Protein backbone atom coordinates (compact mmCIF):
# COMPACT_ATOMS: atom_id res chain seq x y z
CA MET A 1 -18.38 133.71 220.16
CA SER A 2 -17.10 137.42 219.16
CA GLU A 3 -14.42 138.31 216.47
CA VAL A 4 -11.42 140.09 217.07
CA GLY A 5 -11.73 143.87 216.61
CA ARG A 6 -15.25 144.13 215.19
CA GLU A 7 -18.19 146.13 216.43
CA ALA A 8 -20.75 144.33 217.74
CA ILE A 9 -24.38 145.02 218.97
CA ILE A 10 -25.48 143.50 222.21
CA VAL A 11 -29.18 142.80 222.71
CA VAL A 12 -29.86 141.93 226.46
CA THR A 13 -32.93 140.06 226.33
CA GLN A 14 -33.47 139.91 230.30
CA GLU A 15 -33.65 143.57 231.43
CA ASP A 16 -32.51 142.70 235.10
CA LEU A 17 -29.20 141.33 233.37
CA TYR A 18 -28.17 144.68 231.62
CA ASN A 19 -26.29 146.33 234.55
CA SER A 20 -24.33 143.03 234.88
CA THR A 21 -23.66 142.97 231.20
CA LEU A 22 -21.83 145.58 230.58
CA PRO A 23 -19.45 145.06 233.25
CA ALA A 24 -18.21 141.89 232.61
CA VAL A 25 -17.75 143.00 228.94
CA ARG A 26 -15.72 145.82 230.27
CA ARG A 27 -13.65 143.31 232.29
CA GLY A 28 -12.78 140.77 229.21
CA GLY A 29 -11.07 143.89 227.86
CA HIS A 30 -13.64 144.79 225.27
CA ARG A 31 -14.84 148.52 224.45
CA VAL A 32 -18.19 149.67 225.16
CA VAL A 33 -19.16 152.03 222.22
CA SER A 34 -22.94 153.22 223.27
CA GLU A 35 -25.64 152.17 225.54
CA LEU A 36 -29.34 152.36 225.54
CA PRO A 37 -30.48 150.98 228.71
CA PRO A 38 -31.81 148.55 229.50
CA THR A 39 -31.62 146.35 226.33
CA LEU A 40 -28.98 147.34 223.80
CA ALA A 41 -25.32 148.51 223.73
CA THR A 42 -22.73 148.20 221.33
CA ALA A 43 -18.91 147.42 222.00
CA VAL A 44 -15.76 146.64 219.85
CA PHE A 45 -14.20 143.21 221.01
CA SER A 46 -10.53 143.36 221.10
CA GLU A 47 -10.37 139.84 221.83
CA SER A 48 -12.53 136.74 221.22
CA GLY A 49 -14.39 134.34 224.06
CA PHE A 50 -17.13 136.70 225.51
CA SER A 51 -20.55 135.56 226.54
CA ALA A 52 -22.83 136.70 229.11
CA PRO A 53 -26.36 135.17 230.01
CA GLY A 54 -29.16 136.77 228.92
CA ALA A 55 -27.38 138.75 226.07
CA GLN A 56 -27.05 138.24 222.34
CA LEU A 57 -24.47 139.59 220.01
CA PHE A 58 -24.83 140.34 216.46
CA PHE A 59 -21.74 141.86 214.28
CA ASP A 60 -23.95 142.29 210.83
CA THR A 61 -27.68 142.49 211.16
CA VAL A 62 -30.09 141.59 213.99
CA PRO A 63 -32.45 139.21 212.85
CA LEU A 64 -36.11 140.70 212.25
CA ASP A 65 -37.34 138.04 215.05
CA VAL A 66 -35.31 139.89 217.48
CA VAL A 67 -36.02 143.52 216.44
CA ASN A 68 -39.60 142.76 216.31
CA ARG A 69 -39.37 142.43 220.12
CA LEU A 70 -37.88 145.70 221.07
CA ASP A 71 -39.59 148.79 221.69
CA ALA A 72 -39.74 151.64 219.20
CA ARG A 73 -36.70 153.13 220.52
CA SER A 74 -34.64 150.18 220.55
CA ARG A 75 -35.69 149.63 216.74
CA LEU A 76 -34.48 153.26 215.96
CA PHE A 77 -30.89 152.06 217.73
CA VAL A 78 -30.55 149.13 215.85
CA ARG A 79 -31.74 150.38 212.61
CA ALA A 80 -29.06 153.27 213.22
CA TRP A 81 -26.32 150.98 213.98
CA GLN A 82 -27.00 148.68 211.11
CA ALA A 83 -27.14 151.80 208.84
CA GLY A 84 -24.00 152.86 210.03
CA LYS A 85 -22.36 149.55 208.94
CA GLU A 86 -23.81 150.00 205.09
CA PRO A 87 -20.90 151.33 202.86
CA GLN A 88 -21.31 154.87 201.87
CA THR A 89 -21.58 156.18 198.37
CA ARG A 90 -20.91 160.00 197.04
CA PRO A 91 -20.82 161.17 193.99
CA GLY A 92 -16.98 161.57 193.00
CA ASP A 93 -15.71 160.25 196.11
CA GLY A 94 -11.73 159.11 195.63
CA LEU A 95 -11.62 161.30 192.37
CA SER A 96 -9.45 164.58 192.18
CA TRP A 97 -11.21 167.76 192.63
CA ASP A 98 -10.88 168.65 189.15
CA ALA A 99 -12.17 165.42 187.55
CA PRO A 100 -14.07 165.75 184.59
CA GLY A 101 -17.98 166.10 185.22
CA PHE A 102 -17.21 167.90 188.70
CA THR A 103 -16.94 171.75 189.13
CA PRO A 104 -13.92 172.45 191.24
CA PRO A 105 -14.16 174.40 194.42
CA GLY A 106 -15.11 177.82 194.54
CA TRP A 107 -16.12 178.18 190.83
């Protein structure tokens, strides 16, 4: 169910299971990165084979039907997590400091 070395968002669909889900993640050798009790957490999965009752894992995007069931605070958490996975584009990224079309620092 999980992919090695990738961050996933965990959506706990049964809030009463949240307090048992995260310890199960840690016992499985995975690293919990962030938490928003009682429904969300993110974790880096170091090995495959994790599953927990009442919890869903998403590695890339969370389906809209799942997001729509969350409260506003949780939807914001999901949007921020998904935005952090998007590639960043910055003007001049990777170019020399004096590349044509750019002003060197301090000028």
